[in-house]
Amino acid sequence: MTTRQNESSAYEQVQASSEFQELRKRYRNWAFPVTVAFLAWYLLYVVLSGWARDFMGTKLFGNINVALIFGLLQFVSTFLIAWLYSRHAAKRLDPLSDKIRGEMEGSSNG
């Protein structure tokens, strides 16, 4: 069996493992809902900008209107999601992926 076949076989074994399936589940259970929520939030901003111009143009104070605040909140939510993901990954994904990597590297050296 060639080295390439060994590597392929090792990756297939890892993908079939319960630990890898758990890692995928943890990632997807976090990423998919957050992605949907963010896209809905962004679409709300776009829709309101296009069809609720009076509302978006409402001045809150000085020359600051609702549209500007919503636009700035898009940046805030993006950074918040990145920060929350880094915390989630460090706590729930990285330990399991490190374990899987260690087992895979250990089996490839043996």
C-alpha atoms as a PDB file:
ATOM      1  CA  MET A   1       0.000   0.000   0.000  1.00  0.00           C
ATOM      2  CA  THR A   2       1.406   3.415  -0.931  1.00  0.00           C
ATOM      3  CA  THR A   3       1.919   6.306   1.464  1.00  0.00           C
ATOM      4  CA  ARG A   4      -0.880   8.205  -0.265  1.00  0.00           C
ATOM      5  CA  GLN A   5      -3.281   5.300   0.300  1.00  0.00           C
ATOM      6  CA  ASN A   6      -2.223   5.110   3.959  1.00  0.00           C
ATOM      7  CA  GLU A   7      -2.905   8.838   4.416  1.00  0.00           C
ATOM      8  CA  SER A   8      -6.261   8.529   2.672  1.00  0.00           C
ATOM      9  CA  SER A   9      -7.185   5.564   4.815  1.00  0.00           C
ATOM     10  CA  ALA A  10      -6.143   7.399   7.991  1.00  0.00           C
ATOM     11  CA  TYR A  11      -8.268  10.436   7.091  1.00  0.00           C
ATOM     12  CA  GLU A  12     -11.242   8.206   6.312  1.00  0.00           C
ATOM     13  CA  GLN A  13     -10.826   6.492   9.686  1.00  0.00           C
ATOM     14  CA  VAL A  14     -10.711   9.850  11.462  1.00  0.00           C
ATOM     15  CA  GLN A  15     -13.815  11.053   9.626  1.00  0.00           C
ATOM     16  CA  ALA A  16     -15.660   7.906  10.626  1.00  0.00           C
ATOM     17  CA  SER A  17     -14.695   8.224  14.299  1.00  0.00           C
ATOM     18  CA  SER A  18     -17.248   9.259  16.898  1.00  0.00           C
ATOM     19  CA  GLU A  19     -14.895  11.985  18.144  1.00  0.00           C
ATOM     20  CA  PHE A  20     -14.714  13.606  14.709  1.00  0.00           C
ATOM     21  CA  GLN A  21     -18.481  13.366  14.335  1.00  0.00           C
ATOM     22  CA  GLU A  22     -18.836  15.066  17.729  1.00  0.00           C
ATOM     23  CA  LEU A  23     -16.443  17.818  16.609  1.00  0.00           C
ATOM     24  CA  ARG A  24     -18.506  18.396  13.455  1.00  0.00           C
ATOM     25  CA  LYS A  25     -21.716  18.446  15.503  1.00  0.00           C
ATOM     26  CA  ARG A  26     -20.316  21.011  17.953  1.00  0.00           C
ATOM     27  CA  TYR A  27     -19.132  23.216  15.107  1.00  0.00           C
ATOM     28  CA  ARG A  28     -22.371  22.999  13.143  1.00  0.00           C
ATOM     29  CA  ASN A  29     -24.596  23.481  16.194  1.00  0.00           C
ATOM     30  CA  TRP A  30     -22.858  26.794  16.779  1.00  0.00           C
ATOM     31  CA  ALA A  31     -22.049  28.016  13.281  1.00  0.00           C
ATOM     32  CA  PHE A  32     -25.311  27.362  11.463  1.00  0.00           C
ATOM     33  CA  PRO A  33     -27.691  29.168  13.869  1.00  0.00           C
ATOM     34  CA  VAL A  34     -25.327  32.105  14.268  1.00  0.00           C
ATOM     35  CA  THR A  35     -24.913  32.377  10.506  1.00  0.00           C
ATOM     36  CA  VAL A  36     -28.677  32.337   9.978  1.00  0.00           C
ATOM     37  CA  ALA A  37     -29.181  34.938  12.722  1.00  0.00           C
ATOM     38  CA  PHE A  38     -26.509  37.220  11.294  1.00  0.00           C
ATOM     39  CA  LEU A  39     -27.829  36.932   7.747  1.00  0.00           C
ATOM     40  CA  ALA A  40     -31.361  37.706   8.984  1.00  0.00           C
ATOM     41  CA  TRP A  41     -30.025  40.733  10.891  1.00  0.00           C
ATOM     42  CA  TYR A  42     -28.142  41.932   7.798  1.00  0.00           C
ATOM     43  CA  LEU A  43     -31.166  41.355   5.551  1.00  0.00           C
ATOM     44  CA  LEU A  44     -33.333  43.316   7.998  1.00  0.00           C
ATOM     45  CA  TYR A  45     -30.917  46.240   7.660  1.00  0.00           C
ATOM     46  CA  VAL A  46     -31.009  46.060   3.856  1.00  0.00           C
ATOM     47  CA  VAL A  47     -34.805  45.714   3.713  1.00  0.00           C
ATOM     48  CA  LEU A  48     -35.386  48.577   6.132  1.00  0.00           C
ATOM     49  CA  SER A  49     -32.947  50.740   4.172  1.00  0.00           C
ATOM     50  CA  GLY A  50     -34.839  50.063   0.958  1.00  0.00           C
ATOM     51  CA  TRP A  51     -38.452  50.029   2.090  1.00  0.00           C
ATOM     52  CA  ALA A  52     -38.646  51.875   5.422  1.00  0.00           C
ATOM     53  CA  ARG A  53     -36.751  55.009   4.512  1.00  0.00           C
ATOM     54  CA  ASP A  54     -38.773  57.243   6.809  1.00  0.00           C
ATOM     55  CA  PHE A  55     -38.003  55.014   9.777  1.00  0.00           C
ATOM     56  CA  MET A  56     -34.327  54.669   8.866  1.00  0.00           C
ATOM     57  CA  GLY A  57     -34.092  58.434   8.367  1.00  0.00           C
ATOM     58  CA  THR A  58     -35.496  59.189  11.813  1.00  0.00           C
ATOM     59  CA  LYS A  59     -33.001  61.423  13.588  1.00  0.00           C
ATOM     60  CA  LEU A  60     -32.098  60.218  17.043  1.00  0.00           C
ATOM     61  CA  PHE A  61     -29.787  63.057  18.041  1.00  0.00           C
ATOM     62  CA  GLY A  62     -28.041  65.674  15.960  1.00  0.00           C
ATOM     63  CA  ASN A  63     -27.379  64.270  12.487  1.00  0.00           C
ATOM     64  CA  ILE A  64     -27.355  60.678  13.755  1.00  0.00           C
ATOM     65  CA  ASN A  65     -30.252  58.643  12.374  1.00  0.00           C
ATOM     66  CA  VAL A  66     -31.518  55.086  12.792  1.00  0.00           C
ATOM     67  CA  ALA A  67     -29.790  53.927   9.588  1.00  0.00           C
ATOM     68  CA  LEU A  68     -26.382  55.053  10.831  1.00  0.00           C
ATOM     69  CA  ILE A  69     -26.872  53.289  14.169  1.00  0.00           C
ATOM     70  CA  PHE A  70     -28.024  50.093  12.414  1.00  0.00           C
ATOM     71  CA  GLY A  71     -25.023  50.298  10.083  1.00  0.00           C
ATOM     72  CA  LEU A  72     -22.609  50.675  12.970  1.00  0.00           C
ATOM     73  CA  LEU A  73     -24.310  47.812  14.788  1.00  0.00           C
ATOM     74  CA  GLN A  74     -23.505  45.598  11.786  1.00  0.00           C
ATOM     75  CA  PHE A  75     -19.814  46.093  12.586  1.00  0.00           C
ATOM     76  CA  VAL A  76     -20.401  45.549  16.293  1.00  0.00           C
ATOM     77  CA  SER A  77     -22.288  42.312  15.659  1.00  0.00           C
ATOM     78  CA  THR A  78     -19.556  41.054  13.325  1.00  0.00           C
ATOM     79  CA  PHE A  79     -16.856  41.605  15.942  1.00  0.00           C
ATOM     80  CA  LEU A  80     -19.093  40.136  18.648  1.00  0.00           C
ATOM     81  CA  ILE A  81     -19.658  36.981  16.605  1.00  0.00           C
ATOM     82  CA  ALA A  82     -15.909  36.633  15.970  1.00  0.00           C
ATOM     83  CA  TRP A  83     -15.183  37.018  19.680  1.00  0.00           C
ATOM     84  CA  LEU A  84     -17.915  34.574  20.685  1.00  0.00           C
ATOM     85  CA  TYR A  85     -16.689  32.050  18.123  1.00  0.00           C
ATOM     86  CA  SER A  86     -13.123  32.269  19.411  1.00  0.00           C
ATOM     87  CA  ARG A  87     -14.404  31.553  22.932  1.00  0.00           C
ATOM     88  CA  HIS A  88     -16.568  28.674  21.682  1.00  0.00           C
ATOM     89  CA  ALA A  89     -13.701  27.205  19.661  1.00  0.00           C
ATOM     90  CA  ALA A  90     -11.238  27.469  22.539  1.00  0.00           C
ATOM     91  CA  LYS A  91     -13.619  25.809  24.965  1.00  0.00           C
ATOM     92  CA  ARG A  92     -15.545  23.268  22.850  1.00  0.00           C
ATOM     93  CA  LEU A  93     -13.670  22.643  19.587  1.00  0.00           C
ATOM     94  CA  ASP A  94      -9.933  23.028  20.122  1.00  0.00           C
ATOM     95  CA  PRO A  95      -9.544  20.447  22.917  1.00  0.00           C
ATOM     96  CA  LEU A  96     -11.322  17.795  20.861  1.00  0.00           C
ATOM     97  CA  SER A  97      -9.502  18.664  17.634  1.00  0.00           C
ATOM     98  CA  ASP A  98      -6.172  18.598  19.490  1.00  0.00           C
ATOM     99  CA  LYS A  99      -7.031  15.129  20.789  1.00  0.00           C
ATOM    100  CA  ILE A 100      -7.967  13.904  17.317  1.00  0.00           C
ATOM    101  CA  ARG A 101      -4.797  15.401  15.823  1.00  0.00           C
ATOM    102  CA  GLY A 102      -2.660  13.822  18.541  1.00  0.00           C
ATOM    103  CA  GLU A 103      -4.198  10.419  17.936  1.00  0.00           C
ATOM    104  CA  MET A 104      -3.743  10.767  14.192  1.00  0.00           C
ATOM    105  CA  GLU A 105      -0.122  11.887  14.489  1.00  0.00           C
ATOM    106  CA  GLY A 106       0.547   9.102  16.975  1.00  0.00           C
ATOM    107  CA  SER A 107      -0.883   6.473  14.658  1.00  0.00           C
ATOM    108  CA  SER A 108       1.031   7.801  11.638  1.00  0.00           C
ATOM    109  CA  ASN A 109       4.333   7.607  13.542  1.00  0.00           C
ATOM    110  CA  GLY A 110       3.758   4.057  14.673  1.00  0.00           C
END
